Protein backbone atom coordinates (compact mmCIF):
# COMPACT_ATOMS: atom_id res chain seq x y z
CA UNK A 1 -0.06 13.50 -82.33
CA UNK A 2 -1.37 16.57 -84.19
CA UNK A 3 -1.17 19.71 -82.06
CA UNK A 4 0.43 17.73 -79.27
CA UNK A 5 -3.01 16.73 -77.99
CA UNK A 6 -3.09 14.01 -75.42
CA UNK A 7 -5.96 11.55 -74.91
CA UNK A 8 -6.18 9.05 -72.07
CA UNK A 9 -7.34 5.51 -72.99
CA UNK A 10 -7.31 2.47 -70.71
CA UNK A 11 -4.96 4.22 -68.31
CA UNK A 12 -2.39 5.11 -71.00
CA UNK A 13 -1.72 8.53 -72.42
CA UNK A 14 -1.34 9.14 -76.11
CA UNK A 15 1.52 11.40 -77.05
CA UNK A 16 4.03 9.44 -74.97
CA UNK A 17 6.72 7.37 -76.66
CA UNK A 18 6.02 3.64 -77.02
CA UNK A 19 8.56 0.91 -77.69
CA UNK A 20 8.01 -2.61 -79.02
CA UNK A 21 9.94 -5.85 -78.52
CA UNK A 22 9.10 -8.63 -80.98
CA UNK A 23 11.22 -11.62 -82.09
CA UNK A 24 14.08 -10.26 -80.00
CA UNK A 25 14.12 -6.90 -81.83
CA UNK A 26 13.36 -3.69 -79.93
CA UNK A 27 12.01 -0.74 -81.91
CA UNK A 28 10.71 2.72 -81.17
CA UNK A 29 9.79 5.28 -80.13
CA UNK A 30 6.31 5.27 -81.71
CA UNK A 31 3.07 7.09 -81.04
CA UNK A 32 0.35 5.06 -79.36
CA UNK A 33 -2.01 5.43 -82.32
CA UNK A 34 0.54 3.77 -84.60
CA UNK A 35 1.24 0.89 -82.19
CA UNK A 36 -2.49 0.37 -81.64
CA UNK A 37 -3.06 0.13 -85.42
CA UNK A 38 -0.28 -2.46 -85.77
CA UNK A 39 -1.83 -4.54 -83.00
CA UNK A 40 -5.29 -4.38 -84.62
CA UNK A 41 -3.86 -5.38 -88.02
CA UNK A 42 -1.88 -8.32 -86.57
CA UNK A 43 1.50 -6.83 -87.45
CA UNK A 44 2.20 -6.64 -83.71
CA UNK A 45 1.39 -10.07 -82.28
CA UNK A 46 -0.45 -10.42 -78.95
CA UNK A 47 2.63 -11.94 -77.34
CA UNK A 48 4.93 -9.11 -78.43
CA UNK A 49 6.05 -6.79 -75.63
CA UNK A 50 5.37 -3.06 -75.41
CA UNK A 51 6.59 -0.35 -73.05
CA UNK A 52 5.96 3.36 -72.72
CA UNK A 53 7.82 6.18 -71.02
CA UNK A 54 7.14 6.06 -67.30
CA UNK A 55 5.76 2.51 -67.23
CA UNK A 56 7.01 0.09 -64.57
CA UNK A 57 7.86 -2.67 -67.05
CA UNK A 58 7.13 -4.41 -70.32
CA UNK A 59 3.65 -5.80 -71.03
CA UNK A 60 2.26 -7.90 -73.87
CA UNK A 61 0.54 -6.13 -76.72
CA UNK A 62 -2.52 -8.28 -76.06
CA UNK A 63 -2.78 -6.95 -72.52
CA UNK A 64 -2.47 -3.32 -73.56
CA UNK A 65 -4.08 -3.10 -77.00
CA UNK A 66 -6.09 -6.32 -77.35
CA UNK A 67 -9.88 -6.59 -77.27
CA UNK A 68 -11.13 -5.97 -73.76
CA UNK A 69 -7.92 -4.23 -72.69
CA UNK A 70 -10.08 -1.80 -70.75
CA UNK A 71 -10.68 -4.25 -67.92
CA UNK A 72 -12.59 -7.10 -69.58
CA UNK A 73 -12.07 -10.68 -68.22
CA UNK A 74 -8.73 -12.28 -68.95
CA UNK A 75 -7.45 -15.84 -69.09
CA UNK A 76 -3.96 -17.26 -68.81
CA UNK A 77 -2.27 -18.88 -71.81
CA UNK A 78 -0.85 -22.21 -70.60
CA UNK A 79 1.99 -22.12 -73.13
CA UNK A 80 3.48 -18.65 -72.63
CA UNK A 81 1.97 -17.96 -69.20
CA UNK A 82 0.70 -14.47 -70.04
CA UNK A 83 -2.75 -13.11 -69.19
CA UNK A 84 -4.67 -12.33 -72.37
CA UNK A 85 -8.15 -10.95 -73.10
CA UNK A 86 -10.70 -13.74 -72.85
CA UNK A 87 -11.62 -13.50 -76.53
CA UNK A 88 -7.97 -14.13 -77.49
CA UNK A 89 -7.72 -17.45 -75.64
CA UNK A 90 -9.10 -20.79 -76.86
CA UNK A 91 -8.91 -24.34 -75.54
CA UNK A 92 -6.98 -26.49 -77.99
CA UNK A 93 -5.42 -29.92 -77.51
CA UNK A 94 -6.31 -30.05 -73.83
CA UNK A 95 -4.95 -26.64 -72.76
CA UNK A 96 -5.82 -22.97 -73.17
CA UNK A 97 -3.60 -21.08 -75.62
CA UNK A 98 -3.56 -17.48 -76.80
CA UNK A 99 -3.81 -16.37 -80.42
CA UNK A 100 -0.04 -15.88 -80.56
CA UNK A 101 0.80 -19.39 -79.30
CA UNK A 102 -1.94 -21.29 -81.14
CA UNK A 103 -0.14 -21.77 -84.52
CA UNK A 104 2.98 -23.17 -82.83
CA UNK A 105 0.88 -25.28 -80.49
CA UNK A 106 -1.17 -26.81 -83.34
CA UNK A 107 1.99 -27.52 -85.35
CA UNK A 108 3.57 -29.20 -82.34
CA UNK A 109 0.47 -31.34 -81.78
CA UNK A 110 0.62 -32.53 -85.38
CA UNK A 111 4.25 -33.48 -84.88
CA UNK A 112 3.35 -35.37 -81.70
CA UNK A 113 5.53 -33.31 -79.38
CA UNK A 114 3.24 -30.93 -77.55
CA UNK A 115 1.76 -32.80 -74.63
CA UNK A 116 1.11 -30.08 -72.05
CA UNK A 117 3.08 -30.11 -68.84
CA UNK A 118 -0.28 -29.75 -67.07
CA UNK A 119 -0.81 -33.49 -67.52
CA UNK A 120 2.11 -34.29 -65.27
CA UNK A 121 5.73 -35.33 -65.61
CA UNK A 122 7.02 -37.77 -68.23
CA UNK A 123 7.88 -41.16 -66.75
CA UNK A 124 11.52 -42.13 -67.17
CA UNK A 125 13.16 -45.43 -67.99
CA UNK A 126 13.36 -46.69 -64.38
CA UNK A 127 9.64 -46.53 -63.47
CA UNK A 128 8.67 -47.81 -66.90
CA UNK A 129 11.00 -50.79 -66.62
CA UNK A 130 9.69 -51.63 -63.14
CA UNK A 131 6.09 -51.44 -64.39
CA UNK A 132 6.93 -53.75 -67.30
CA UNK A 133 8.47 -56.30 -64.93
CA UNK A 134 5.32 -56.29 -62.77
CA UNK A 135 3.14 -56.78 -65.85
CA UNK A 136 5.41 -59.58 -67.08
CA UNK A 137 5.04 -61.43 -63.79
CA UNK A 138 1.25 -61.09 -63.94
CA UNK A 139 1.13 -62.26 -67.55
CA UNK A 140 3.43 -65.19 -66.82
CA UNK A 141 0.63 -66.76 -64.76
CA UNK A 142 -1.69 -66.81 -67.79
CA UNK A 143 1.10 -67.97 -70.08
CA UNK A 144 1.93 -70.86 -67.77
CA UNK A 145 -1.71 -71.92 -67.67
CA UNK A 146 -1.80 -72.01 -71.48
CA UNK A 147 1.48 -73.92 -71.71
CA UNK A 148 0.54 -76.51 -69.11
CA UNK A 149 -1.36 -78.84 -71.52
CA UNK A 150 1.63 -78.88 -73.90
CA UNK A 151 4.03 -79.63 -71.04
CA UNK A 152 1.78 -82.45 -69.85
CA UNK A 153 1.58 -84.00 -73.33
CA UNK A 154 5.34 -83.70 -73.82
CA UNK A 155 5.94 -85.42 -70.51
CA UNK A 156 3.40 -88.16 -71.25
CA UNK A 157 4.83 -88.99 -74.67
CA UNK A 158 8.47 -88.52 -73.76
CA UNK A 159 8.89 -86.28 -76.81
CA UNK A 160 11.45 -83.50 -76.91
CA UNK A 161 10.13 -80.01 -76.15
CA UNK A 162 11.68 -78.81 -79.41
CA UNK A 163 8.81 -77.95 -81.84
CA UNK A 164 10.46 -79.61 -84.86
CA UNK A 165 10.48 -82.99 -83.05
CA UNK A 166 6.79 -82.90 -82.12
CA UNK A 167 4.13 -84.76 -84.05
CA UNK A 168 1.82 -82.79 -86.39
CA UNK A 169 -1.08 -82.77 -83.94
CA UNK A 170 1.07 -81.72 -81.01
CA UNK A 171 2.86 -79.12 -83.13
CA UNK A 172 -0.50 -77.64 -84.14
CA UNK A 173 -1.60 -77.46 -80.52
CA UNK A 174 1.72 -75.84 -79.60
CA UNK A 175 1.17 -73.20 -82.29
CA UNK A 176 -2.32 -72.58 -80.94
CA UNK A 177 -0.96 -71.94 -77.44
CA UNK A 178 1.56 -69.45 -78.81
CA UNK A 179 -1.19 -67.52 -80.59
CA UNK A 180 -3.36 -67.73 -77.49
CA UNK A 181 -0.55 -66.19 -75.43
CA UNK A 182 -0.24 -63.29 -77.90
CA UNK A 183 -4.01 -62.80 -77.81
CA UNK A 184 -4.09 -62.88 -74.01
CA UNK A 185 -1.31 -60.31 -73.79
CA UNK A 186 -3.08 -58.09 -76.32
CA UNK A 187 -6.36 -58.24 -74.37
CA UNK A 188 -4.47 -57.49 -71.16
CA UNK A 189 -2.75 -54.45 -72.66
CA UNK A 190 -5.70 -53.05 -74.61
CA UNK A 191 -8.36 -53.49 -71.93
CA UNK A 192 -6.34 -51.89 -69.14
CA UNK A 193 -5.06 -48.98 -71.28
CA UNK A 194 -8.50 -48.17 -72.67
CA UNK A 195 -10.46 -48.66 -69.44
CA UNK A 196 -7.99 -47.71 -66.72
CA UNK A 197 -5.38 -45.59 -68.50
CA UNK A 198 -2.57 -48.02 -67.71
CA UNK A 199 -1.70 -51.65 -67.11
CA UNK A 200 -1.67 -52.95 -63.49
CA UNK A 201 2.09 -52.46 -63.31
CA UNK A 202 1.81 -48.84 -64.43
CA UNK A 203 -1.16 -48.12 -62.19
CA UNK A 204 0.68 -49.58 -59.20
CA UNK A 205 3.53 -47.13 -59.85
CA UNK A 206 1.09 -44.29 -60.59
CA UNK A 207 1.82 -44.07 -64.31
CA UNK A 208 -0.63 -43.57 -67.14
CA UNK A 209 -0.51 -43.80 -70.94
CA UNK A 210 -1.92 -40.84 -72.88
CA UNK A 211 -2.09 -39.90 -76.54
CA UNK A 212 -0.45 -36.83 -78.09
CA UNK A 213 -3.30 -34.58 -76.89
CA UNK A 214 -3.31 -35.81 -73.32
CA UNK A 215 -6.31 -38.12 -73.69
CA UNK A 216 -6.77 -41.74 -72.67
CA UNK A 217 -6.24 -44.21 -75.51
CA UNK A 218 -9.14 -45.81 -77.31
CA UNK A 219 -9.19 -49.57 -77.92
CA UNK A 220 -7.88 -49.33 -81.49
CA UNK A 221 -5.12 -46.95 -80.45
CA UNK A 222 -4.13 -49.21 -77.56
CA UNK A 223 -4.08 -52.23 -79.89
CA UNK A 224 -1.82 -50.39 -82.32
CA UNK A 225 0.53 -49.51 -79.47
CA UNK A 226 0.62 -53.16 -78.40
CA UNK A 227 1.73 -54.36 -81.84
CA UNK A 228 4.22 -51.46 -82.02
CA UNK A 229 5.97 -53.23 -79.12
CA UNK A 230 6.99 -55.97 -81.56
CA UNK A 231 8.77 -53.38 -83.71
CA UNK A 232 10.59 -52.14 -80.60
CA UNK A 233 11.56 -55.72 -79.81
CA UNK A 234 13.30 -56.02 -83.18
CA UNK A 235 15.83 -53.32 -82.26
CA UNK A 236 17.88 -55.53 -79.89
CA UNK A 237 16.51 -53.55 -76.94
CA UNK A 238 17.58 -50.14 -78.21
CA UNK A 239 13.98 -49.07 -78.74
CA UNK A 240 13.24 -49.74 -75.07
CA UNK A 241 16.25 -47.65 -73.99
CA UNK A 242 15.17 -44.54 -75.91
CA UNK A 243 13.45 -42.95 -72.85
CA UNK A 244 16.98 -42.43 -71.49
CA UNK A 245 17.64 -39.69 -74.05
CA UNK A 246 14.30 -38.71 -75.60
CA UNK A 247 13.01 -35.33 -74.36
CA UNK A 248 9.56 -36.80 -73.69
CA UNK A 249 10.86 -40.15 -72.36
CA UNK A 250 9.33 -42.07 -75.28
CA UNK A 251 10.27 -45.59 -76.29
CA UNK A 252 10.15 -46.51 -79.97
CA UNK A 253 6.62 -47.91 -79.72
CA UNK A 254 5.50 -44.61 -78.13
CA UNK A 255 6.84 -42.71 -81.12
CA UNK A 256 5.14 -45.08 -83.54
CA UNK A 257 1.80 -44.90 -81.70
CA UNK A 258 2.07 -41.20 -80.65
CA UNK A 259 1.72 -41.96 -76.94
CA UNK A 260 3.38 -40.75 -73.73
CA UNK A 261 3.78 -42.42 -70.35
CA UNK A 262 3.10 -39.86 -67.65
CA UNK A 263 3.38 -39.78 -63.87
CA UNK A 264 -0.03 -39.25 -62.34
């Protein structure tokens, strides 16, 4: 500073040496005026760290030089965990993020890999498999009710249960029951996901299905996820095993539909 003058601002004294730590690179010493100008111009990001001679430890540039650094209200960024001036924090994709974290957070949301930890823990293969077995048992009751007329007709006529040996009328009715079973399963899946956040099996085990932004699925989204199950089924079971190694415990149909199964 010219003439060695010192000026106190926000509890800090100009004229002392300041150091910066950004992207793993420490630089300095600098005068406060220079560091403050970098912060205002965006060259020094809010999440970068700064330290001055005599300070107890490093602080973020947003805390020291950001708008409202003189004691204005602050909010915590849920990605980096730092307290930032209120005007630097926005709610985006279900969580509050600071100006420094927002670009990375938005990019991660677009890639379908940024569901906030605030929504709970990802459900692993074990709970998901148990929930699927419970749902399968519930659905088997409806499937049996739809198959009963075919079984009765087969028994009455003495025909083989193999479709190719059935008569045209019986074969058509058999095809109708198969489609009815698919429709019943789709209604089961879509209604419970859209209205309750999970199927009865998942709800019993305190699991829920959310989209990439942590929201409950809409009917169209839930229907798309249901049909994505058929793609998973074509992988000889590998698609269902993917939660064992995926970082967000997603099966193949979760990746295709951009969904996550979370513990409540």
